[in-house]
Amino acid sequence: MRRVMLGVLLTGALFAMSLGGCAGEPDEGGEAAGDTYRIGAVLSLSGPQAGLGEPERRAIEMEVERINEEGGVHGRPVEVLFEDDATDEAKAVTAASRLIEQEGVIALIAASGTGQTMAVRQEVERAGIPQMSLAGGSVVTAQFSEWVFQTPWPNRIVVPFTLGYLRDSGVTRLGLLIDSGAYGKDGYDVIMAEVDRFGIEIVADEQFNRGDTDMTPQITKIRAAGPDALLMWAAGAEAATVLKNNAALGGDSPLSVYGGPGNGRIELIQGAGDAAEGFTFSAGKILVPEAYGVGSDEYEVTTSFIDRFTERFGVGPDIFAGHAYDGIYLIVDAMKRLPEGFTPEDLRDEIERTDGFIGAGGTFTFGPTDHNGLSEDDLTMYRIENGEWVLVGQAR
């Protein structure tokens, strides 16, 4: 009897091992059946661009929960592994390398900033996995890589749109105050290449660095040049200081300040307080989705995301949360279109085939030479009034 029972137990154990081996067999794409699909995310969760990275993290976490509640991808859950680059390019590279080499992620969402995005490019190209950038520098997709995609409206689209609005507002003499980081430098290059065709003269040209706490000297020089307005191109916490310094210097007549999408964040309103009043900037339509047209598909997608985000976190999403929403869904939507067993290269190819994807930031259509897929039609202008974003129209 003991020998019979032992034989039964051994047979059962071997059968179980056989079943376990089948369940864990890698499929053609190297993914084990029943495994999660792992995506890496390198975001600025600390440092000067933490105001970008934190809403991005919130949006991704919230939407991944929703994706998994609806069955994940091919019945498998999606898992996003987060790394903080601390708004530092070297740390972004280290984080990306760890996610790729140690965690085996199938795609990478990276990064919040233009400099960090460009820094990790070599890692994703070497590994052969797609990268979805949440940064707005033109260089991200203008310096083309088959592996790199971008969800924000790049400076090459936003700058001419903004300059058109300034021209139509009667601005002919303009002072510049530029963040010396990668996003600011990229914007500056586009400004200088485009400004002449809008009939605008640059009468002052100043910069500030990450971590600066007083821009009074730069603004004083700009005011002395007699511009009609000041154009600030920045994406960090320092932008609030610019607005406060400008208000303090101007008294009853501060310079009118304009900016781009890097300023479409709650952090700016909170940090600048009353000094933010009247600040006008270009960005996508997520901040006031009525700009899409009430009842449109874009309006429905965006308001649904806004409602979920607001209920979850007690505050509405800014444009950076929207960039992250678009980033995770552009990847997951492509994954769902592929059969099981896809490789990172298959995923890259399928992301590139995205056509008419409606996101929070606009409607994306990628192609073999266009990994951004947005246009000026996805932009509008805002002014901060009573601590709120208010639509002021579009350039003509």
Protein backbone atom coordinates (compact mmCIF):
# COMPACT_ATOMS: atom_id res chain seq x y z
CA MET A 1 0.00 0.00 0.00
CA ARG A 2 2.83 2.38 0.87
CA ARG A 3 4.47 1.66 -2.50
CA VAL A 4 1.17 2.28 -4.33
CA MET A 5 0.58 5.57 -2.51
CA LEU A 6 4.14 6.69 -3.19
CA GLY A 7 3.67 5.92 -6.89
CA VAL A 8 0.45 7.93 -6.98
CA LEU A 9 2.12 10.89 -5.27
CA LEU A 10 5.10 10.80 -7.63
CA THR A 11 2.85 10.55 -10.68
CA GLY A 12 0.76 13.49 -9.43
CA ALA A 13 3.85 15.56 -8.77
CA LEU A 14 5.25 14.86 -12.24
CA PHE A 15 1.86 15.73 -13.81
CA ALA A 16 1.73 19.01 -11.88
CA MET A 17 5.27 19.84 -12.91
CA SER A 18 4.32 19.14 -16.53
CA LEU A 19 1.34 21.47 -16.32
CA GLY A 20 3.44 24.17 -14.64
CA GLY A 21 6.07 23.89 -17.35
CA CYS A 22 3.43 24.33 -20.07
CA ALA A 23 1.93 27.37 -18.32
CA GLY A 24 5.32 28.99 -18.13
CA GLU A 25 6.47 28.19 -21.65
CA PRO A 26 7.55 31.41 -23.34
CA ASP A 27 5.51 32.22 -26.43
CA GLU A 28 6.96 33.57 -29.68
CA GLY A 29 7.49 37.03 -28.20
CA GLY A 30 9.35 35.77 -25.17
CA GLU A 31 6.46 36.53 -22.80
CA ALA A 32 5.41 33.71 -20.48
CA ALA A 33 1.70 32.88 -20.53
CA GLY A 34 0.06 34.35 -17.47
CA ASP A 35 2.88 36.86 -16.95
CA THR A 36 2.30 40.59 -16.70
CA TYR A 37 3.26 42.98 -19.45
CA ARG A 38 5.85 45.22 -17.81
CA ILE A 39 6.30 48.83 -18.89
CA GLY A 40 8.92 51.13 -17.39
CA ALA A 41 8.35 54.79 -16.56
CA VAL A 42 11.20 57.23 -15.85
CA LEU A 43 9.64 60.44 -14.50
CA SER A 44 10.76 63.54 -12.61
CA LEU A 45 9.20 62.81 -9.22
CA SER A 46 11.61 65.18 -7.49
CA GLY A 47 13.73 68.17 -8.48
CA PRO A 48 12.63 71.25 -10.46
CA GLN A 49 10.33 69.25 -12.76
CA ALA A 50 8.52 67.35 -10.02
CA GLY A 51 5.45 69.43 -10.89
CA LEU A 52 5.43 67.54 -14.20
CA GLY A 53 6.32 64.07 -12.99
CA GLU A 54 3.88 63.78 -10.12
CA PRO A 55 0.67 64.31 -12.15
CA GLU A 56 2.14 62.02 -14.82
CA ARG A 57 2.63 59.25 -12.25
CA ARG A 58 -0.90 59.71 -10.90
CA ALA A 59 -2.45 59.49 -14.34
CA ILE A 60 -0.53 56.36 -15.30
CA GLU A 61 -1.31 54.56 -12.04
CA MET A 62 -5.01 55.41 -12.29
CA GLU A 63 -5.36 54.36 -15.91
CA VAL A 64 -3.39 51.13 -15.49
CA GLU A 65 -5.80 50.11 -12.74
CA ARG A 66 -8.65 50.77 -15.14
CA ILE A 67 -6.97 48.83 -17.96
CA ASN A 68 -6.47 45.83 -15.69
CA GLU A 69 -10.02 45.97 -14.34
CA GLU A 70 -11.17 45.69 -17.95
CA GLY A 71 -9.06 42.58 -18.56
CA GLY A 72 -5.61 43.95 -19.24
CA VAL A 73 -4.04 42.93 -22.55
CA HIS A 74 -4.90 39.47 -23.87
CA GLY A 75 -6.05 38.59 -20.37
CA ARG A 76 -2.76 39.55 -18.76
CA PRO A 77 -2.34 42.50 -16.40
CA VAL A 78 -0.21 45.50 -17.28
CA GLU A 79 2.36 46.58 -14.69
CA VAL A 80 4.17 49.91 -14.77
CA LEU A 81 7.45 50.17 -12.85
CA PHE A 82 8.33 53.75 -11.87
CA GLU A 83 11.77 55.31 -11.46
CA ASP A 84 12.54 58.88 -10.34
CA ASP A 85 15.18 60.69 -12.41
CA ALA A 86 15.18 63.67 -9.98
CA THR A 87 15.21 66.00 -13.03
CA ASP A 88 18.73 64.79 -13.78
CA GLU A 89 19.91 63.37 -17.08
CA ALA A 90 22.50 60.98 -15.63
CA LYS A 91 19.98 59.57 -13.18
CA ALA A 92 17.51 59.13 -16.04
CA VAL A 93 20.04 56.97 -17.88
CA THR A 94 20.71 54.85 -14.80
CA ALA A 95 16.99 54.39 -14.20
CA ALA A 96 16.29 53.45 -17.81
CA SER A 97 19.15 50.96 -17.84
CA ARG A 98 17.86 49.27 -14.69
CA LEU A 99 14.33 48.97 -16.03
CA ILE A 100 15.55 47.52 -19.31
CA GLU A 101 18.29 45.20 -18.08
CA GLN A 102 16.96 44.08 -14.69
CA GLU A 103 13.18 44.36 -15.08
CA GLY A 104 12.89 43.40 -18.74
CA VAL A 105 10.30 46.04 -19.62
CA ILE A 106 8.71 45.79 -23.05
CA ALA A 107 8.42 49.58 -23.50
CA LEU A 108 9.61 52.71 -21.73
CA ILE A 109 7.71 55.89 -20.89
CA ALA A 110 10.53 58.43 -20.56
CA ALA A 111 10.82 61.14 -19.63
CA SER A 112 9.17 64.23 -18.14
CA GLY A 113 11.91 66.52 -19.46
CA THR A 114 13.51 66.98 -22.85
CA GLY A 115 17.07 66.58 -21.56
CA GLN A 116 16.27 63.33 -19.77
CA THR A 117 14.36 62.04 -22.80
CA MET A 118 17.33 62.57 -25.08
CA ALA A 119 19.74 61.13 -22.52
CA VAL A 120 18.02 57.72 -22.40
CA ARG A 121 17.64 57.40 -26.18
CA GLN A 122 20.84 55.40 -26.54
CA GLU A 123 19.57 52.89 -23.96
CA VAL A 124 16.30 52.19 -25.78
CA GLU A 125 17.99 52.04 -29.18
CA ARG A 126 20.56 49.59 -27.85
CA ALA A 127 17.87 47.42 -26.26
CA GLY A 128 15.45 47.72 -29.18
CA ILE A 129 12.34 48.75 -27.22
CA PRO A 130 9.94 51.64 -27.94
CA GLN A 131 10.22 54.86 -25.93
CA MET A 132 7.25 57.18 -25.34
CA SER A 133 8.42 60.65 -24.33
CA LEU A 134 6.28 63.05 -22.28
CA ALA A 135 8.57 66.02 -23.08
CA GLY A 136 7.82 68.86 -25.48
CA GLY A 137 11.19 69.63 -27.04
CA SER A 138 11.15 69.56 -30.86
CA VAL A 139 14.41 67.68 -30.80
CA VAL A 140 12.69 64.59 -29.33
CA THR A 141 11.17 63.64 -32.68
CA ALA A 142 12.88 66.09 -35.04
CA GLN A 143 16.17 64.26 -34.41
CA PHE A 144 14.40 61.17 -35.61
CA SER A 145 14.77 57.74 -34.04
CA GLU A 146 12.63 54.83 -35.13
CA TRP A 147 12.24 53.84 -31.47
CA VAL A 148 11.17 57.19 -29.97
CA PHE A 149 7.64 58.63 -29.90
CA GLN A 150 6.30 61.82 -28.26
CA THR A 151 2.92 62.78 -26.77
CA PRO A 152 3.20 66.59 -26.14
CA TRP A 153 2.90 69.25 -28.83
CA PRO A 154 6.54 69.95 -29.76
CA ASN A 155 8.05 73.42 -29.79
CA ARG A 156 8.19 73.39 -33.60
CA ILE A 157 4.35 73.44 -33.54
CA VAL A 158 3.73 75.49 -30.40
CA VAL A 159 6.19 78.34 -30.97
CA PRO A 160 4.76 79.51 -34.34
CA PHE A 161 1.24 79.17 -32.90
CA THR A 162 2.21 81.37 -29.94
CA LEU A 163 4.04 83.94 -32.05
CA GLY A 164 0.96 84.18 -34.26
CA TYR A 165 -1.16 85.02 -31.24
CA LEU A 166 1.35 87.66 -30.10
CA ARG A 167 1.35 89.26 -33.55
CA ASP A 168 -2.46 89.30 -33.62
CA SER A 169 -2.42 90.89 -30.16
CA GLY A 170 -0.34 93.80 -31.46
CA VAL A 171 3.05 92.75 -30.07
CA THR A 172 5.92 93.96 -32.27
CA ARG A 173 8.72 94.29 -29.66
CA LEU A 174 9.37 91.22 -27.54
CA GLY A 175 11.62 90.41 -24.59
CA LEU A 176 12.69 86.79 -24.05
CA LEU A 177 13.34 85.03 -20.74
CA ILE A 178 14.38 81.44 -21.36
CA ASP A 179 15.05 78.45 -19.12
CA SER A 180 18.63 77.37 -19.90
CA GLY A 181 17.62 73.69 -19.73
CA ALA A 182 17.01 71.50 -22.76
CA TYR A 183 13.33 72.41 -23.21
CA GLY A 184 14.06 76.14 -22.99
CA LYS A 185 17.02 75.95 -25.36
CA ASP A 186 14.97 73.98 -27.83
CA GLY A 187 12.17 76.56 -27.66
CA TYR A 188 14.66 79.40 -28.04
CA ASP A 189 16.08 77.91 -31.22
CA VAL A 190 12.60 77.65 -32.74
CA ILE A 191 11.70 81.20 -31.62
CA MET A 192 14.79 82.66 -33.26
CA ALA A 193 14.18 80.69 -36.45
CA GLU A 194 10.52 81.72 -36.72
CA VAL A 195 10.14 85.20 -35.20
CA ASP A 196 11.01 87.29 -38.27
CA ARG A 197 8.13 86.00 -40.35
CA PHE A 198 5.69 87.26 -37.71
CA GLY A 199 7.06 90.80 -37.86
CA ILE A 200 8.25 90.72 -34.25
CA GLU A 201 11.58 92.16 -33.07
CA ILE A 202 13.47 90.59 -30.16
CA VAL A 203 14.66 93.58 -28.10
CA ALA A 204 15.97 91.68 -25.06
CA ASP A 205 17.23 88.15 -24.62
CA GLU A 206 17.82 86.74 -21.11
CA GLN A 207 18.16 83.31 -19.49
CA PHE A 208 17.82 81.71 -16.07
CA ASN A 209 19.00 78.37 -14.66
CA ARG A 210 17.28 75.54 -12.86
CA GLY A 211 17.11 76.27 -9.18
CA ASP A 212 17.38 80.06 -9.54
CA THR A 213 15.31 81.87 -6.93
CA ASP A 214 15.45 85.46 -8.24
CA MET A 215 15.08 86.65 -11.83
CA THR A 216 14.88 90.36 -10.91
CA PRO A 217 18.14 91.28 -12.74
CA GLN A 218 17.00 89.66 -15.99
CA ILE A 219 13.53 91.19 -15.85
CA THR A 220 15.02 94.63 -15.06
CA LYS A 221 17.15 94.43 -18.22
CA ILE A 222 14.17 93.32 -20.27
CA ARG A 223 12.00 96.17 -18.98
CA ALA A 224 14.74 98.68 -19.82
CA ALA A 225 14.59 97.59 -23.48
CA GLY A 226 10.96 98.70 -23.73
CA PRO A 227 9.24 95.55 -25.05
CA ASP A 228 5.50 95.25 -25.61
CA ALA A 229 5.53 91.92 -23.77
CA LEU A 230 7.75 89.25 -22.22
CA LEU A 231 7.80 85.70 -23.59
CA MET A 232 8.91 83.12 -21.02
CA TRP A 233 9.81 79.65 -22.30
CA ALA A 234 10.20 77.26 -19.38
CA ALA A 235 8.84 74.07 -17.85
CA GLY A 236 10.08 74.11 -14.25
CA ALA A 237 9.12 75.51 -10.87
CA GLU A 238 11.16 78.66 -11.58
CA ALA A 239 8.39 80.03 -13.84
CA ALA A 240 6.37 81.01 -10.77
CA THR A 241 9.33 83.07 -9.55
CA VAL A 242 9.47 84.89 -12.89
CA LEU A 243 5.84 85.92 -12.54
CA LYS A 244 6.28 87.04 -8.93
CA ASN A 245 9.43 89.05 -9.74
CA ASN A 246 7.72 90.64 -12.72
CA ALA A 247 4.74 91.67 -10.60
CA ALA A 248 6.98 93.10 -7.89
CA LEU A 249 9.04 95.15 -10.36
CA GLY A 250 6.11 96.39 -12.38
CA GLY A 251 3.92 97.75 -9.61
CA ASP A 252 0.83 99.06 -11.36
CA SER A 253 2.29 98.33 -14.82
CA PRO A 254 3.99 94.92 -14.93
CA LEU A 255 4.98 93.51 -18.29
CA SER A 256 2.42 91.27 -19.97
CA VAL A 257 3.88 87.78 -19.79
CA TYR A 258 3.25 84.99 -22.30
CA GLY A 259 4.43 81.39 -22.36
CA GLY A 260 4.01 77.90 -23.75
CA PRO A 261 2.68 74.51 -22.63
CA GLY A 262 5.43 74.06 -20.06
CA ASN A 263 3.41 76.43 -17.87
CA GLY A 264 0.08 74.62 -18.12
CA ARG A 265 0.30 73.15 -14.63
CA ILE A 266 -1.36 73.66 -11.29
CA GLU A 267 2.04 74.20 -9.65
CA LEU A 268 2.43 77.50 -11.50
CA ILE A 269 -0.89 78.91 -10.26
CA GLN A 270 -0.21 77.76 -6.71
CA GLY A 271 3.39 79.00 -6.72
CA ALA A 272 2.78 82.42 -8.27
CA GLY A 273 -0.52 83.24 -6.56
CA ASP A 274 -1.90 86.64 -7.56
CA ALA A 275 1.16 87.25 -9.75
CA ALA A 276 -0.14 84.60 -12.16
CA GLU A 277 -3.19 86.72 -12.99
CA GLY A 278 -3.23 87.65 -16.66
CA PHE A 279 -0.48 85.22 -17.66
CA THR A 280 -1.32 83.95 -21.16
CA PHE A 281 0.03 80.74 -22.65
CA SER A 282 -0.47 78.20 -25.42
CA ALA A 283 -1.30 74.57 -24.74
CA GLY A 284 -3.64 71.77 -25.75
CA LYS A 285 -7.35 71.72 -25.06
CA ILE A 286 -7.39 69.40 -22.05
CA LEU A 287 -7.45 72.29 -19.55
CA VAL A 288 -10.84 73.47 -20.86
CA PRO A 289 -12.16 70.59 -22.99
CA GLU A 290 -15.07 72.66 -24.30
CA ALA A 291 -12.44 73.89 -26.77
CA TYR A 292 -12.83 70.53 -28.52
CA GLY A 293 -16.54 71.16 -29.00
CA VAL A 294 -19.10 69.83 -26.53
CA GLY A 295 -20.26 66.38 -27.56
CA SER A 296 -17.31 65.65 -29.85
CA ASP A 297 -15.39 62.39 -29.44
CA GLU A 298 -12.40 64.37 -28.19
CA TYR A 299 -14.56 66.13 -25.63
CA GLU A 300 -16.02 62.85 -24.35
CA VAL A 301 -12.62 61.16 -24.01
CA THR A 302 -11.09 64.14 -22.24
CA THR A 303 -13.97 64.88 -19.85
CA SER A 304 -14.15 61.21 -18.88
CA PHE A 305 -10.46 61.30 -17.93
CA ILE A 306 -10.86 64.63 -16.11
CA ASP A 307 -13.81 63.30 -14.09
CA ARG A 308 -11.95 60.14 -13.03
CA PHE A 309 -8.80 62.06 -12.13
CA THR A 310 -10.68 64.71 -10.17
CA GLU A 311 -12.69 62.13 -8.22
CA ARG A 312 -9.54 60.17 -7.41
CA PHE A 313 -7.20 63.01 -6.45
CA GLY A 314 -9.49 65.92 -5.56
CA VAL A 315 -7.99 68.16 -8.25
CA GLY A 316 -8.31 68.29 -12.02
CA PRO A 317 -5.49 67.06 -14.28
CA ASP A 318 -3.09 69.48 -15.94
CA ILE A 319 -1.53 69.01 -19.36
CA PHE A 320 1.22 66.76 -17.99
CA ALA A 321 -1.29 64.28 -16.61
CA GLY A 322 -2.79 64.37 -20.09
CA HIS A 323 0.58 63.60 -21.72
CA ALA A 324 0.92 60.56 -19.46
CA TYR A 325 -2.65 59.43 -20.21
CA ASP A 326 -1.85 59.56 -23.91
CA GLY A 327 1.49 57.81 -23.42
CA ILE A 328 0.15 54.76 -21.60
CA TYR A 329 -2.83 54.34 -23.90
CA LEU A 330 -0.84 54.72 -27.11
CA ILE A 331 1.31 51.81 -25.91
CA VAL A 332 -1.54 49.66 -24.58
CA ASP A 333 -3.77 50.32 -27.58
CA ALA A 334 -0.99 49.07 -29.87
CA MET A 335 -0.45 46.02 -27.64
CA LYS A 336 -4.13 45.11 -27.93
CA ARG A 337 -3.99 45.29 -31.72
CA LEU A 338 -1.17 42.75 -31.82
CA PRO A 339 -1.61 38.98 -31.41
CA GLU A 340 -0.13 37.33 -28.36
CA GLY A 341 3.56 36.63 -28.62
CA PHE A 342 4.54 40.05 -29.92
CA THR A 343 8.07 41.36 -29.49
CA PRO A 344 9.20 44.88 -28.56
CA GLU A 345 9.99 45.41 -32.25
CA ASP A 346 6.45 44.34 -33.17
CA LEU A 347 5.15 46.82 -30.60
CA ARG A 348 7.26 49.62 -32.06
CA ASP A 349 5.91 48.88 -35.53
CA GLU A 350 2.31 48.84 -34.28
CA ILE A 351 2.68 52.12 -32.37
CA GLU A 352 3.96 53.66 -35.61
CA ARG A 353 0.77 52.46 -37.33
CA THR A 354 -1.41 54.46 -34.91
CA ASP A 355 -4.01 56.32 -36.96
CA GLY A 356 -6.61 58.70 -35.51
CA PHE A 357 -6.11 57.78 -31.86
CA ILE A 358 -8.11 60.23 -29.75
CA GLY A 359 -6.21 61.20 -26.61
CA ALA A 360 -6.41 63.91 -23.99
CA GLY A 361 -3.88 66.06 -25.83
CA GLY A 362 -5.30 65.68 -29.33
CA THR A 363 -5.72 63.15 -32.12
CA PHE A 364 -2.57 61.15 -32.91
CA THR A 365 -1.62 59.80 -36.32
CA PHE A 366 1.93 58.50 -36.46
CA GLY A 367 3.88 57.46 -39.53
CA PRO A 368 7.32 56.26 -40.63
CA THR A 369 8.70 59.82 -40.44
CA ASP A 370 6.30 61.38 -37.88
CA HIS A 371 6.41 60.08 -34.31
CA ASN A 372 4.48 63.01 -32.84
CA GLY A 373 1.41 63.14 -35.02
CA LEU A 374 -0.13 66.39 -33.71
CA SER A 375 -0.77 69.78 -35.35
CA GLU A 376 -1.71 73.38 -34.50
CA ASP A 377 -5.36 72.27 -34.63
CA ASP A 378 -4.75 70.57 -31.27
CA LEU A 379 -3.72 73.87 -29.61
CA THR A 380 -5.46 76.85 -28.05
CA MET A 381 -4.58 79.87 -25.87
CA TYR A 382 -5.34 80.33 -22.17
CA ARG A 383 -5.20 83.16 -19.67
CA ILE A 384 -5.10 82.74 -15.90
CA GLU A 385 -8.00 84.63 -14.33
CA ASN A 386 -9.01 84.34 -10.67
CA GLY A 387 -6.70 81.35 -10.31
CA GLU A 388 -8.37 79.45 -13.17
CA TRP A 389 -7.53 78.63 -16.79
CA VAL A 390 -9.76 80.57 -19.18
CA LEU A 391 -9.91 80.14 -22.96
CA VAL A 392 -8.87 83.23 -24.91
CA GLY A 393 -8.87 81.81 -28.42
CA GLN A 394 -6.58 80.61 -31.15
CA ALA A 395 -4.08 82.31 -33.41
CA ARG A 396 -5.17 83.04 -36.97
